[in-house]
């Protein structure tokens, strides 16, 4: 199944565990396409959708105190991606997103990548 984007394919959003979860949220696609136009470089998705089981694995790996099934991760709803833009530092990308979407969305900074999700409320974090 294809998605309506000149820059992205559905398989870029697919859960890494092999379960086939491959939703491509249209609002998220709009944000990602905006990044592509703004920076004029490919947006490389490093982490897309996650089924609940795979998300639990990721959460436990990243947080030793994580309690099962407490995640509010937008990855499990197909509304989030982690990504990088070649030769553009994650701080520059995050600053752009924070300026464009000052009162909404989840924007996170990680070493070498940025997180964006299209939740309604504003959430920001820096995990570097």
PDB file of N, CA and C in Angstrom:
ATOM      1  N   UNK A   1       0.844  -1.172   0.000  1.00  0.00           N
ATOM      2  CA  UNK A   1       0.000   0.000   0.000  1.00  0.00           C
ATOM      3  C   UNK A   1       0.894   1.242   0.000  1.00  0.00           C
ATOM      4  N   UNK A   2       0.683   2.168  -0.911  1.00  0.00           N
ATOM      5  CA  UNK A   2       1.516   3.365  -0.967  1.00  0.00           C
ATOM      6  C   UNK A   2       0.888   4.493  -0.147  1.00  0.00           C
ATOM      7  N   UNK A   3       1.677   5.513   0.118  1.00  0.00           N
ATOM      8  CA  UNK A   3       1.187   6.680   0.831  1.00  0.00           C
ATOM      9  C   UNK A   3       1.280   7.868  -0.110  1.00  0.00           C
ATOM     10  N   UNK A   4       0.562   8.917   0.206  1.00  0.00           N
ATOM     11  CA  UNK A   4       0.536  10.115  -0.629  1.00  0.00           C
ATOM     12  C   UNK A   4       1.673  11.042  -0.224  1.00  0.00           C
ATOM     13  N   UNK A   5       2.876  10.747  -0.668  1.00  0.00           N
ATOM     14  CA  UNK A   5       4.021  11.597  -0.366  1.00  0.00           C
ATOM     15  C   UNK A   5       5.065  11.444  -1.453  1.00  0.00           C
ATOM     16  N   UNK A   6       5.616  12.575  -1.911  1.00  0.00           N
ATOM     17  CA  UNK A   6       6.686  12.469  -2.900  1.00  0.00           C
ATOM     18  C   UNK A   6       8.028  12.046  -2.299  1.00  0.00           C
ATOM     19  N   UNK A   7       8.131  12.059  -0.971  1.00  0.00           N
ATOM     20  CA  UNK A   7       9.419  11.818  -0.314  1.00  0.00           C
ATOM     21  C   UNK A   7       9.495  10.560   0.536  1.00  0.00           C
ATOM     22  N   UNK A   8       8.374   9.962   0.880  1.00  0.00           N
ATOM     23  CA  UNK A   8       8.370   8.846   1.823  1.00  0.00           C
ATOM     24  C   UNK A   8       7.591   7.650   1.290  1.00  0.00           C
ATOM     25  N   UNK A   9       8.030   6.474   1.701  1.00  0.00           N
ATOM     26  CA  UNK A   9       7.344   5.224   1.392  1.00  0.00           C
ATOM     27  C   UNK A   9       6.822   4.625   2.691  1.00  0.00           C
ATOM     28  N   UNK A  10       5.738   3.892   2.596  1.00  0.00           N
ATOM     29  CA  UNK A  10       5.123   3.310   3.788  1.00  0.00           C
ATOM     30  C   UNK A  10       6.092   2.449   4.592  1.00  0.00           C
ATOM     31  N   UNK A  11       6.971   1.709   3.916  1.00  0.00           N
ATOM     32  CA  UNK A  11       7.862   0.804   4.656  1.00  0.00           C
ATOM     33  C   UNK A  11       8.844   1.553   5.565  1.00  0.00           C
ATOM     34  N   UNK A  12       9.043   2.847   5.349  1.00  0.00           N
ATOM     35  CA  UNK A  12       9.908   3.630   6.238  1.00  0.00           C
ATOM     36  C   UNK A  12       9.295   3.787   7.630  1.00  0.00           C
ATOM     37  N   UNK A  13       7.988   3.607   7.737  1.00  0.00           N
ATOM     38  CA  UNK A  13       7.268   3.779   8.992  1.00  0.00           C
ATOM     39  C   UNK A  13       7.013   2.457   9.716  1.00  0.00           C
ATOM     40  N   UNK A  14       7.348   1.338   9.082  1.00  0.00           N
ATOM     41  CA  UNK A  14       6.995   0.015   9.590  1.00  0.00           C
ATOM     42  C   UNK A  14       7.732  -0.349  10.877  1.00  0.00           C
ATOM     43  N   UNK A  15       7.028  -0.973  11.803  1.00  0.00           N
ATOM     44  CA  UNK A  15       7.610  -1.440  13.062  1.00  0.00           C
ATOM     45  C   UNK A  15       8.795  -2.357  12.770  1.00  0.00           C
ATOM     46  N   UNK A  16       9.867  -2.160  13.515  1.00  0.00           N
ATOM     47  CA  UNK A  16      11.103  -2.905  13.290  1.00  0.00           C
ATOM     48  C   UNK A  16      11.038  -4.379  13.704  1.00  0.00           C
ATOM     49  N   UNK A  17      10.015  -4.775  14.456  1.00  0.00           N
ATOM     50  CA  UNK A  17       9.958  -6.163  14.928  1.00  0.00           C
ATOM     51  C   UNK A  17       9.492  -7.141  13.847  1.00  0.00           C
ATOM     52  N   UNK A  18       8.953  -6.608  12.743  1.00  0.00           N
ATOM     53  CA  UNK A  18       8.489  -7.477  11.670  1.00  0.00           C
ATOM     54  C   UNK A  18       7.002  -7.789  11.715  1.00  0.00           C
ATOM     55  N   UNK A  19       6.266  -7.162  12.636  1.00  0.00           N
ATOM     56  CA  UNK A  19       4.831  -7.450  12.775  1.00  0.00           C
ATOM     57  C   UNK A  19       3.991  -6.864  11.640  1.00  0.00           C
ATOM     58  N   UNK A  20       4.536  -5.882  10.922  1.00  0.00           N
ATOM     59  CA  UNK A  20       3.824  -5.293   9.804  1.00  0.00           C
ATOM     60  C   UNK A  20       3.071  -4.010  10.106  1.00  0.00           C
ATOM     61  N   UNK A  21       3.104  -3.521  11.335  1.00  0.00           N
ATOM     62  CA  UNK A  21       2.424  -2.274  11.701  1.00  0.00           C
ATOM     63  C   UNK A  21       3.070  -1.129  10.925  1.00  0.00           C
ATOM     64  N   UNK A  22       2.300  -0.509   9.997  1.00  0.00           N
ATOM     65  CA  UNK A  22       2.898   0.463   9.081  1.00  0.00           C
ATOM     66  C   UNK A  22       2.010   1.673   8.797  1.00  0.00           C
ATOM     67  N   UNK A  23       1.318   2.164   9.792  1.00  0.00           N
ATOM     68  CA  UNK A  23       0.456   3.332   9.633  1.00  0.00           C
ATOM     69  C   UNK A  23       1.299   4.555   9.287  1.00  0.00           C
ATOM     70  N   UNK A  24       0.791   5.405   8.425  1.00  0.00           N
ATOM     71  CA  UNK A  24       1.457   6.670   8.099  1.00  0.00           C
ATOM     72  C   UNK A  24       0.457   7.800   8.328  1.00  0.00           C
ATOM     73  N   UNK A  25       0.517   8.417   9.491  1.00  0.00           N
ATOM     74  CA  UNK A  25      -0.393   9.497   9.854  1.00  0.00           C
ATOM     75  C   UNK A  25      -0.224  10.682   8.898  1.00  0.00           C
ATOM     76  N   UNK A  26      -1.308  11.202   8.352  1.00  0.00           N
ATOM     77  CA  UNK A  26      -1.221  12.269   7.353  1.00  0.00           C
ATOM     78  C   UNK A  26      -0.682  13.575   7.931  1.00  0.00           C
ATOM     79  N   UNK A  27      -1.026  13.898   9.159  1.00  0.00           N
ATOM     80  CA  UNK A  27      -0.507  15.114   9.792  1.00  0.00           C
ATOM     81  C   UNK A  27       1.004  15.003  10.007  1.00  0.00           C
ATOM     82  N   UNK A  28       1.453  13.829  10.414  1.00  0.00           N
ATOM     83  CA  UNK A  28       2.886  13.583  10.588  1.00  0.00           C
ATOM     84  C   UNK A  28       3.609  13.704   9.246  1.00  0.00           C
ATOM     85  N   UNK A  29       3.018  13.146   8.204  1.00  0.00           N
ATOM     86  CA  UNK A  29       3.603  13.273   6.865  1.00  0.00           C
ATOM     87  C   UNK A  29       3.737  14.735   6.450  1.00  0.00           C
ATOM     88  N   UNK A  30       2.742  15.543   6.761  1.00  0.00           N
ATOM     89  CA  UNK A  30       2.806  16.967   6.434  1.00  0.00           C
ATOM     90  C   UNK A  30       3.997  17.634   7.120  1.00  0.00           C
ATOM     91  N   UNK A  31       4.212  17.314   8.383  1.00  0.00           N
ATOM     92  CA  UNK A  31       5.343  17.881   9.126  1.00  0.00           C
ATOM     93  C   UNK A  31       6.661  17.427   8.506  1.00  0.00           C
ATOM     94  N   UNK A  32       6.780  16.136   8.201  1.00  0.00           N
ATOM     95  CA  UNK A  32       8.008  15.603   7.622  1.00  0.00           C
ATOM     96  C   UNK A  32       8.286  16.196   6.237  1.00  0.00           C
ATOM     97  N   UNK A  33       7.245  16.360   5.449  1.00  0.00           N
ATOM     98  CA  UNK A  33       7.427  16.979   4.133  1.00  0.00           C
ATOM     99  C   UNK A  33       7.855  18.438   4.276  1.00  0.00           C
ATOM    100  N   UNK A  34       7.310  19.127   5.283  1.00  0.00           N
ATOM    101  CA  UNK A  34       7.728  20.500   5.559  1.00  0.00           C
ATOM    102  C   UNK A  34       9.212  20.572   5.895  1.00  0.00           C
ATOM    103  N   UNK A  35       9.704  19.603   6.656  1.00  0.00           N
ATOM    104  CA  UNK A  35      11.136  19.536   6.973  1.00  0.00           C
ATOM    105  C   UNK A  35      11.962  19.325   5.714  1.00  0.00           C
ATOM    106  N   UNK A  36      11.478  18.480   4.847  1.00  0.00           N
ATOM    107  CA  UNK A  36      12.197  18.195   3.594  1.00  0.00           C
ATOM    108  C   UNK A  36      12.324  19.463   2.753  1.00  0.00           C
ATOM    109  N   UNK A  37      11.256  20.218   2.668  1.00  0.00           N
ATOM    110  CA  UNK A  37      11.292  21.467   1.910  1.00  0.00           C
ATOM    111  C   UNK A  37      12.164  22.521   2.605  1.00  0.00           C
ATOM    112  N   UNK A  38      12.043  22.624   3.917  1.00  0.00           N
ATOM    113  CA  UNK A  38      12.798  23.635   4.670  1.00  0.00           C
ATOM    114  C   UNK A  38      14.306  23.435   4.553  1.00  0.00           C
ATOM    115  N   UNK A  39      14.764  22.200   4.741  1.00  0.00           N
ATOM    116  CA  UNK A  39      16.201  21.933   4.754  1.00  0.00           C
ATOM    117  C   UNK A  39      16.747  21.472   3.402  1.00  0.00           C
ATOM    118  N   UNK A  40      15.858  21.163   2.474  1.00  0.00           N
ATOM    119  CA  UNK A  40      16.232  20.731   1.132  1.00  0.00           C
ATOM    120  C   UNK A  40      17.197  19.542   1.149  1.00  0.00           C
ATOM    121  N   UNK A  41      16.961  18.648   2.087  1.00  0.00           N
ATOM    122  CA  UNK A  41      17.743  17.417   2.217  1.00  0.00           C
ATOM    123  C   UNK A  41      16.786  16.299   2.627  1.00  0.00           C
ATOM    124  N   UNK A  42      17.135  15.054   2.299  1.00  0.00           N
ATOM    125  CA  UNK A  42      16.267  13.943   2.704  1.00  0.00           C
ATOM    126  C   UNK A  42      16.117  13.826   4.223  1.00  0.00           C
ATOM    127  N   UNK A  43      14.914  13.516   4.646  1.00  0.00           N
ATOM    128  CA  UNK A  43      14.619  13.214   6.045  1.00  0.00           C
ATOM    129  C   UNK A  43      14.706  11.695   6.168  1.00  0.00           C
ATOM    130  N   UNK A  44      15.625  11.233   7.004  1.00  0.00           N
ATOM    131  CA  UNK A  44      15.875   9.790   7.145  1.00  0.00           C
ATOM    132  C   UNK A  44      15.220   9.303   8.436  1.00  0.00           C
ATOM    133  N   UNK A  45      14.202   8.484   8.297  1.00  0.00           N
ATOM    134  CA  UNK A  45      13.487   7.958   9.462  1.00  0.00           C
ATOM    135  C   UNK A  45      14.319   6.858  10.094  1.00  0.00           C
ATOM    136  N   UNK A  46      14.656   7.042  11.369  1.00  0.00           N
ATOM    137  CA  UNK A  46      15.467   6.055  12.091  1.00  0.00           C
ATOM    138  C   UNK A  46      14.612   5.196  13.017  1.00  0.00           C
ATOM    139  N   UNK A  47      13.390   5.600  13.248  1.00  0.00           N
ATOM    140  CA  UNK A  47      12.465   4.832  14.073  1.00  0.00           C
ATOM    141  C   UNK A  47      11.053   5.308  13.805  1.00  0.00           C
ATOM    142  N   UNK A  48      10.214   4.422  13.360  1.00  0.00           N
ATOM    143  CA  UNK A  48       8.840   4.793  13.034  1.00  0.00           C
ATOM    144  C   UNK A  48       7.842   4.196  13.999  1.00  0.00           C
ATOM    145  N   UNK A  49       6.887   3.483  13.440  1.00  0.00           N
ATOM    146  CA  UNK A  49       5.847   2.864  14.250  1.00  0.00           C
ATOM    147  C   UNK A  49       6.422   1.756  15.122  1.00  0.00           C
ATOM    148  N   UNK A  50       5.744   1.545  16.237  1.00  0.00           N
ATOM    149  CA  UNK A  50       6.088   0.419  17.106  1.00  0.00           C
ATOM    150  C   UNK A  50       4.800  -0.237  17.583  1.00  0.00           C
ATOM    151  N   UNK A  51       4.737  -1.538  17.438  1.00  0.00           N
ATOM    152  CA  UNK A  51       3.634  -2.257  18.075  1.00  0.00           C
ATOM    153  C   UNK A  51       3.873  -2.179  19.581  1.00  0.00           C
ATOM    154  N   UNK A  52       2.881  -2.512  20.365  1.00  0.00           N
ATOM    155  CA  UNK A  52       3.014  -2.406  21.823  1.00  0.00           C
ATOM    156  C   UNK A  52       4.179  -3.253  22.329  1.00  0.00           C
ATOM    157  N   UNK A  53       4.323  -4.476  21.827  1.00  0.00           N
ATOM    158  CA  UNK A  53       5.407  -5.355  22.297  1.00  0.00           C
ATOM    159  C   UNK A  53       6.777  -4.780  21.981  1.00  0.00           C
ATOM    160  N   UNK A  54       6.958  -4.274  20.776  1.00  0.00           N
ATOM    161  CA  UNK A  54       8.254  -3.695  20.414  1.00  0.00           C
ATOM    162  C   UNK A  54       8.512  -2.411  21.199  1.00  0.00           C
ATOM    163  N   UNK A  55       7.478  -1.617  21.398  1.00  0.00           N
ATOM    164  CA  UNK A  55       7.635  -0.390  22.172  1.00  0.00           C
ATOM    165  C   UNK A  55       8.082  -0.696  23.600  1.00  0.00           C
ATOM    166  N   UNK A  56       7.523  -1.738  24.186  1.00  0.00           N
ATOM    167  CA  UNK A  56       7.924  -2.126  25.549  1.00  0.00           C
ATOM    168  C   UNK A  56       9.415  -2.460  25.589  1.00  0.00           C
ATOM    169  N   UNK A  57       9.883  -3.166  24.577  1.00  0.00           N
ATOM    170  CA  UNK A  57      11.303  -3.510  24.484  1.00  0.00           C
ATOM    171  C   UNK A  57      12.175  -2.253  24.411  1.00  0.00           C
ATOM    172  N   UNK A  58      11.780  -1.320  23.557  1.00  0.00           N
ATOM    173  CA  UNK A  58      12.526  -0.068  23.390  1.00  0.00           C
ATOM    174  C   UNK A  58      12.509   0.736  24.684  1.00  0.00           C
ATOM    175  N   UNK A  59      11.352   0.833  25.299  1.00  0.00           N
ATOM    176  CA  UNK A  59      11.228   1.612  26.539  1.00  0.00           C
ATOM    177  C   UNK A  59      12.096   1.028  27.654  1.00  0.00           C
ATOM    178  N   UNK A  60      12.094  -0.286  27.786  1.00  0.00           N
ATOM    179  CA  UNK A  60      12.903  -0.935  28.826  1.00  0.00           C
ATOM    180  C   UNK A  60      14.384  -0.720  28.591  1.00  0.00           C
ATOM    181  N   UNK A  61      14.797  -0.726  27.322  1.00  0.00           N
ATOM    182  CA  UNK A  61      16.199  -0.520  26.977  1.00  0.00           C
ATOM    183  C   UNK A  61      16.644   0.904  27.318  1.00  0.00           C
ATOM    184  N   UNK A  62      15.777   1.873  27.053  1.00  0.00           N
ATOM    185  CA  UNK A  62      16.108   3.281  27.266  1.00  0.00           C
ATOM    186  C   UNK A  62      15.905   3.753  28.705  1.00  0.00           C
ATOM    187  N   UNK A  63      15.127   3.027  29.480  1.00  0.00           N
ATOM    188  CA  UNK A  63      14.803   3.472  30.838  1.00  0.00           C
ATOM    189  C   UNK A  63      14.777   2.273  31.777  1.00  0.00           C
ATOM    190  N   UNK A  64      15.800   2.145  32.585  1.00  0.00           N
ATOM    191  CA  UNK A  64      15.919   0.997  33.507  1.00  0.00           C
ATOM    192  C   UNK A  64      14.755   0.915  34.496  1.00  0.00           C
ATOM    193  N   UNK A  65      14.108   2.042  34.806  1.00  0.00           N
ATOM    194  CA  UNK A  65      13.002   2.070  35.766  1.00  0.00           C
ATOM    195  C   UNK A  65      11.629   1.980  35.099  1.00  0.00           C
ATOM    196  N   UNK A  66      11.615   1.687  33.804  1.00  0.00           N
ATOM    197  CA  UNK A  66      10.358   1.630  33.077  1.00  0.00           C
ATOM    198  C   UNK A  66       9.457   0.517  33.608  1.00  0.00           C
ATOM    199  N   UNK A  67       8.189   0.851  33.796  1.00  0.00           N
ATOM    200  CA  UNK A  67       7.204  -0.140  34.237  1.00  0.00           C
ATOM    201  C   UNK A  67       6.361  -0.551  33.022  1.00  0.00           C
ATOM    202  N   UNK A  68       6.197  -1.842  32.792  1.00  0.00           N
ATOM    203  CA  UNK A  68       5.465  -2.325  31.617  1.00  0.00           C
ATOM    204  C   UNK A  68       4.081  -1.692  31.464  1.00  0.00           C
ATOM    205  N   UNK A  69       3.742  -1.451  30.206  1.00  0.00           N
ATOM    206  CA  UNK A  69       2.437  -0.937  29.794  1.00  0.00           C
ATOM    207  C   UNK A  69       2.089   0.432  30.378  1.00  0.00           C
ATOM    208  N   UNK A  70       3.093   1.256  30.657  1.00  0.00           N
ATOM    209  CA  UNK A  70       2.838   2.617  31.129  1.00  0.00           C
ATOM    210  C   UNK A  70       3.224   3.659  30.084  1.00  0.00           C
ATOM    211  N   UNK A  71       3.665   3.216  28.919  1.00  0.00           N
ATOM    212  CA  UNK A  71       4.153   4.137  27.900  1.00  0.00           C
ATOM    213  C   UNK A  71       3.041   5.018  27.333  1.00  0.00           C
ATOM    214  N   UNK A  72       3.377   6.263  27.126  1.00  0.00           N
ATOM    215  CA  UNK A  72       2.490   7.183  26.428  1.00  0.00           C
ATOM    216  C   UNK A  72       3.062   7.476  25.044  1.00  0.00           C
ATOM    217  N   UNK A  73       3.918   6.594  24.575  1.00  0.00           N
ATOM    218  CA  UNK A  73       4.599   6.766  23.298  1.00  0.00           C
ATOM    219  C   UNK A  73       3.608   6.921  22.149  1.00  0.00           C
ATOM    220  N   UNK A  74       3.843   7.934  21.346  1.00  0.00           N
ATOM    221  CA  UNK A  74       3.006   8.158  20.171  1.00  0.00           C
ATOM    222  C   UNK A  74       3.383   7.226  19.022  1.00  0.00           C
ATOM    223  N   UNK A  75       4.533   6.539  19.154  1.00  0.00           N
ATOM    224  CA  UNK A  75       4.945   5.563  18.140  1.00  0.00           C
ATOM    225  C   UNK A  75       3.920   4.436  18.013  1.00  0.00           C
ATOM    226  N   UNK A  76       3.249   4.077  19.107  1.00  0.00           N
ATOM    227  CA  UNK A  76       2.287   2.968  19.055  1.00  0.00           C
ATOM    228  C   UNK A  76       0.975   3.350  18.368  1.00  0.00           C
ATOM    229  N   UNK A  77       0.800   4.645  18.104  1.00  0.00           N
ATOM    230  CA  UNK A  77      -0.399   5.121  17.405  1.00  0.00           C
ATOM    231  C   UNK A  77      -0.097   5.528  15.957  1.00  0.00           C
ATOM    232  N   UNK A  78       1.148   5.354  15.540  1.00  0.00           N
ATOM    233  CA  UNK A  78       1.523   5.753  14.191  1.00  0.00           C
ATOM    234  C   UNK A  78       1.626   7.259  14.021  1.00  0.00           C
ATOM    235  N   UNK A  79       1.849   7.968  15.133  1.00  0.00           N
ATOM    236  CA  UNK A  79       1.873   9.427  15.109  1.00  0.00           C
ATOM    237  C   UNK A  79       3.250   9.994  15.443  1.00  0.00           C
ATOM    238  N   UNK A  80       4.308   9.166  15.387  1.00  0.00           N
ATOM    239  CA  UNK A  80       5.638   9.641  15.781  1.00  0.00           C
ATOM    240  C   UNK A  80       6.725   8.972  14.956  1.00  0.00           C
ATOM    241  N   UNK A  81       7.814   9.714  14.776  1.00  0.00           N
ATOM    242  CA  UNK A  81       9.026   9.149  14.190  1.00  0.00           C
ATOM    243  C   UNK A  81      10.242   9.779  14.854  1.00  0.00           C
ATOM    244  N   UNK A  82      11.328   9.038  14.840  1.00  0.00           N
ATOM    245  CA  UNK A  82      12.650   9.553  15.144  1.00  0.00           C
ATOM    246  C   UNK A  82      13.332   9.650  13.787  1.00  0.00           C
ATOM    247  N   UNK A  83      14.118  10.698  13.581  1.00  0.00           N
ATOM    248  CA  UNK A  83      14.705  10.914  12.269  1.00  0.00           C
ATOM    249  C   UNK A  83      15.967  11.753  12.370  1.00  0.00           C
ATOM    250  N   UNK A  84      16.669  11.797  11.255  1.00  0.00           N
ATOM    251  CA  UNK A  84      17.810  12.699  11.130  1.00  0.00           C
ATOM    252  C   UNK A  84      17.783  13.287   9.732  1.00  0.00           C
ATOM    253  N   UNK A  85      18.462  14.401   9.598  1.00  0.00           N
ATOM    254  CA  UNK A  85      18.615  15.049   8.302  1.00  0.00           C
ATOM    255  C   UNK A  85      20.112  15.181   8.079  1.00  0.00           C
ATOM    256  N   UNK A  86      20.589  14.602   6.992  1.00  0.00           N
ATOM    257  CA  UNK A  86      22.024  14.552   6.731  1.00  0.00           C
ATOM    258  C   UNK A  86      22.649  15.947   6.801  1.00  0.00           C
ATOM    259  N   UNK A  87      23.741  16.027   7.567  1.00  0.00           N
ATOM    260  CA  UNK A  87      24.534  17.252   7.719  1.00  0.00           C
ATOM    261  C   UNK A  87      23.818  18.379   8.460  1.00  0.00           C
ATOM    262  N   UNK A  88      22.696  18.095   9.093  1.00  0.00           N
ATOM    263  CA  UNK A  88      21.983  19.110   9.878  1.00  0.00           C
ATOM    264  C   UNK A  88      21.923  18.607  11.328  1.00  0.00           C
ATOM    265  N   UNK A  89      22.452  19.391  12.255  1.00  0.00           N
ATOM    266  CA  UNK A  89      22.489  18.993  13.665  1.00  0.00           C
ATOM    267  C   UNK A  89      21.072  18.937  14.240  1.00  0.00           C
ATOM    268  N   UNK A  90      20.856  17.988  15.139  1.00  0.00           N
ATOM    269  CA  UNK A  90      19.528  17.808  15.735  1.00  0.00           C
ATOM    270  C   UNK A  90      19.037  19.068  16.455  1.00  0.00           C
ATOM    271  N   UNK A  91      19.944  19.883  16.988  1.00  0.00           N
ATOM    272  CA  UNK A  91      19.519  21.126  17.641  1.00  0.00           C
ATOM    273  C   UNK A  91      18.876  22.085  16.642  1.00  0.00           C
ATOM    274  N   UNK A  92      19.457  22.197  15.482  1.00  0.00           N
ATOM    275  CA  UNK A  92      18.911  23.086  14.448  1.00  0.00           C
ATOM    276  C   UNK A  92      17.533  22.600  14.008  1.00  0.00           C
ATOM    277  N   UNK A  93      17.399  21.301  13.845  1.00  0.00           N
ATOM    278  CA  UNK A  93      16.109  20.716  13.450  1.00  0.00           C
ATOM    279  C   UNK A  93      15.068  20.952  14.538  1.00  0.00           C
ATOM    280  N   UNK A  94      15.431  20.669  15.792  1.00  0.00           N
ATOM    281  CA  UNK A  94      14.493  20.850  16.906  1.00  0.00           C
ATOM    282  C   UNK A  94      14.096  22.319  17.056  1.00  0.00           C
ATOM    283  N   UNK A  95      15.047  23.233  16.916  1.00  0.00           N
ATOM    284  CA  UNK A  95      14.727  24.668  17.008  1.00  0.00           C
ATOM    285  C   UNK A  95      13.718  25.074  15.925  1.00  0.00           C
ATOM    286  N   UNK A  96      13.923  24.559  14.719  1.00  0.00           N
ATOM    287  CA  UNK A  96      12.989  24.851  13.634  1.00  0.00           C
ATOM    288  C   UNK A  96      11.580  24.341  13.990  1.00  0.00           C
ATOM    289  N   UNK A  97      11.501  23.092  14.448  1.00  0.00           N
ATOM    290  CA  UNK A  97      10.197  22.517  14.798  1.00  0.00           C
ATOM    291  C   UNK A  97       9.539  23.289  15.941  1.00  0.00           C
ATOM    292  N   UNK A  98      10.323  23.660  16.944  1.00  0.00           N
ATOM    293  CA  UNK A  98       9.775  24.404  18.093  1.00  0.00           C
ATOM    294  C   UNK A  98       9.264  25.781  17.669  1.00  0.00           C
ATOM    295  N   UNK A  99       9.905  26.389  16.693  1.00  0.00           N
ATOM    296  CA  UNK A  99       9.453  27.686  16.188  1.00  0.00           C
ATOM    297  C   UNK A  99       8.177  27.523  15.354  1.00  0.00           C
ATOM    298  N   UNK A 100       8.144  26.499  14.526  1.00  0.00           N
ATOM    299  CA  UNK A 100       6.980  26.255  13.666  1.00  0.00           C
ATOM    300  C   UNK A 100       5.743  25.799  14.448  1.00  0.00           C
ATOM    301  N   UNK A 101       5.965  25.045  15.514  1.00  0.00           N
ATOM    302  CA  UNK A 101       4.868  24.457  16.291  1.00  0.00           C
ATOM    303  C   UNK A 101       5.055  24.782  17.772  1.00  0.00           C
ATOM    304  N   UNK A 102       4.943  26.064  18.147  1.00  0.00           N
ATOM    305  CA  UNK A 102       5.266  26.474  19.510  1.00  0.00           C
ATOM    306  C   UNK A 102       4.309  25.973  20.591  1.00  0.00           C
ATOM    307  N   UNK A 103       3.098  25.616  20.226  1.00  0.00           N
ATOM    308  CA  UNK A 103       2.094  25.273  21.241  1.00  0.00           C
ATOM    309  C   UNK A 103       1.534  23.864  21.114  1.00  0.00           C
ATOM    310  N   UNK A 104       2.197  23.039  20.330  1.00  0.00           N
ATOM    311  CA  UNK A 104       1.667  21.696  20.103  1.00  0.00           C
ATOM    312  C   UNK A 104       2.802  20.727  19.786  1.00  0.00           C
ATOM    313  N   UNK A 105       2.502  19.461  19.671  1.00  0.00           N
ATOM    314  CA  UNK A 105       3.409  18.396  19.253  1.00  0.00           C
ATOM    315  C   UNK A 105       4.456  18.033  20.315  1.00  0.00           C
ATOM    316  N   UNK A 106       4.962  16.826  20.167  1.00  0.00           N
ATOM    317  CA  UNK A 106       6.069  16.348  20.985  1.00  0.00           C
ATOM    318  C   UNK A 106       7.349  16.456  20.177  1.00  0.00           C
ATOM    319  N   UNK A 107       8.331  17.162  20.735  1.00  0.00           N
ATOM    320  CA  UNK A 107       9.608  17.353  20.058  1.00  0.00           C
ATOM    321  C   UNK A 107      10.716  16.976  21.032  1.00  0.00           C
ATOM    322  N   UNK A 108      11.510  15.983  20.638  1.00  0.00           N
ATOM    323  CA  UNK A 108      12.573  15.504  21.511  1.00  0.00           C
ATOM    324  C   UNK A 108      13.924  15.518  20.832  1.00  0.00           C
ATOM    325  N   UNK A 109      14.947  15.789  21.620  1.00  0.00           N
ATOM    326  CA  UNK A 109      16.323  15.795  21.122  1.00  0.00           C
ATOM    327  C   UNK A 109      17.058  14.589  21.686  1.00  0.00           C
ATOM    328  N   UNK A 110      17.736  13.888  20.798  1.00  0.00           N
ATOM    329  CA  UNK A 110      18.572  12.742  21.151  1.00  0.00           C
ATOM    330  C   UNK A 110      19.908  12.932  20.441  1.00  0.00           C
ATOM    331  N   UNK A 111      20.911  12.187  20.833  1.00  0.00           N
ATOM    332  CA  UNK A 111      22.192  12.253  20.131  1.00  0.00           C
ATOM    333  C   UNK A 111      22.011  11.779  18.696  1.00  0.00           C
ATOM    334  N   UNK A 112      22.239  12.678  17.752  1.00  0.00           N
ATOM    335  CA  UNK A 112      22.205  12.316  16.343  1.00  0.00           C
ATOM    336  C   UNK A 112      20.841  12.166  15.719  1.00  0.00           C
ATOM    337  N   UNK A 113      19.777  12.458  16.458  1.00  0.00           N
ATOM    338  CA  UNK A 113      18.437  12.321  15.883  1.00  0.00           C
ATOM    339  C   UNK A 113      17.457  13.224  16.614  1.00  0.00           C
ATOM    340  N   UNK A 114      16.318  13.404  15.993  1.00  0.00           N
ATOM    341  CA  UNK A 114      15.241  14.223  16.548  1.00  0.00           C
ATOM    342  C   UNK A 114      13.972  13.377  16.561  1.00  0.00           C
ATOM    343  N   UNK A 115      13.105  13.654  17.510  1.00  0.00           N
ATOM    344  CA  UNK A 115      11.800  12.991  17.596  1.00  0.00           C
ATOM    345  C   UNK A 115      10.736  14.045  17.298  1.00  0.00           C
ATOM    346  N   UNK A 116       9.731  13.650  16.519  1.00  0.00           N
ATOM    347  CA  UNK A 116       8.540  14.482  16.341  1.00  0.00           C
ATOM    348  C   UNK A 116       7.314  13.595  16.440  1.00  0.00           C
ATOM    349  N   UNK A 117       6.322  14.062  17.175  1.00  0.00           N
ATOM    350  CA  UNK A 117       5.025  13.387  17.160  1.00  0.00           C
ATOM    351  C   UNK A 117       3.934  14.442  17.087  1.00  0.00           C
ATOM    352  N   UNK A 118       2.799  14.046  16.587  1.00  0.00           N
ATOM    353  CA  UNK A 118       1.721  14.994  16.322  1.00  0.00           C
ATOM    354  C   UNK A 118       0.598  14.901  17.349  1.00  0.00           C
ATOM    355  N   UNK A 119       0.968  14.714  18.606  1.00  0.00           N
ATOM    356  CA  UNK A 119      -0.021  14.794  19.687  1.00  0.00           C
ATOM    357  C   UNK A 119      -0.560  16.224  19.739  1.00  0.00           C
ATOM    358  N   UNK A 120      -1.695  16.407  20.384  1.00  0.00           N
ATOM    359  CA  UNK A 120      -2.309  17.731  20.436  1.00  0.00           C
ATOM    360  C   UNK A 120      -1.584  18.684  21.384  1.00  0.00           C
ATOM    361  N   UNK A 121      -1.117  18.168  22.507  1.00  0.00           N
ATOM    362  CA  UNK A 121      -0.495  19.051  23.490  1.00  0.00           C
ATOM    363  C   UNK A 121       1.011  19.201  23.246  1.00  0.00           C
ATOM    364  N   UNK A 122       1.584  20.236  23.831  1.00  0.00           N
ATOM    365  CA  UNK A 122       3.005  20.539  23.689  1.00  0.00           C
ATOM    366  C   UNK A 122       3.817  19.769  24.725  1.00  0.00           C
ATOM    367  N   UNK A 123       4.828  19.035  24.248  1.00  0.00           N
ATOM    368  CA  UNK A 123       5.767  18.328  25.116  1.00  0.00           C
ATOM    369  C   UNK A 123       7.161  18.486  24.497  1.00  0.00           C
ATOM    370  N   UNK A 124       8.149  18.770  25.332  1.00  0.00           N
ATOM    371  CA  UNK A 124       9.533  18.925  24.872  1.00  0.00           C
ATOM    372  C   UNK A 124      10.463  18.158  25.796  1.00  0.00           C
ATOM    373  N   UNK A 125      11.537  17.576  25.243  1.00  0.00           N
ATOM    374  CA  UNK A 125      12.534  16.909  26.069  1.00  0.00           C
ATOM    375  C   UNK A 125      13.873  16.849  25.371  1.00  0.00           C
ATOM    376  N   UNK A 126      14.895  16.667  26.179  1.00  0.00           N
ATOM    377  CA  UNK A 126      16.269  16.542  25.685  1.00  0.00           C
ATOM    378  C   UNK A 126      16.893  15.341  26.401  1.00  0.00           C
ATOM    379  N   UNK A 127      17.149  14.273  25.679  1.00  0.00           N
ATOM    380  CA  UNK A 127      17.687  13.038  26.262  1.00  0.00           C
ATOM    381  C   UNK A 127      19.130  12.801  25.833  1.00  0.00           C
ATOM    382  N   UNK A 128      19.904  13.877  25.694  1.00  0.00           N
ATOM    383  CA  UNK A 128      21.303  13.706  25.293  1.00  0.00           C
ATOM    384  C   UNK A 128      22.212  13.693  26.499  1.00  0.00           C
TER     385      UNK A 128
END
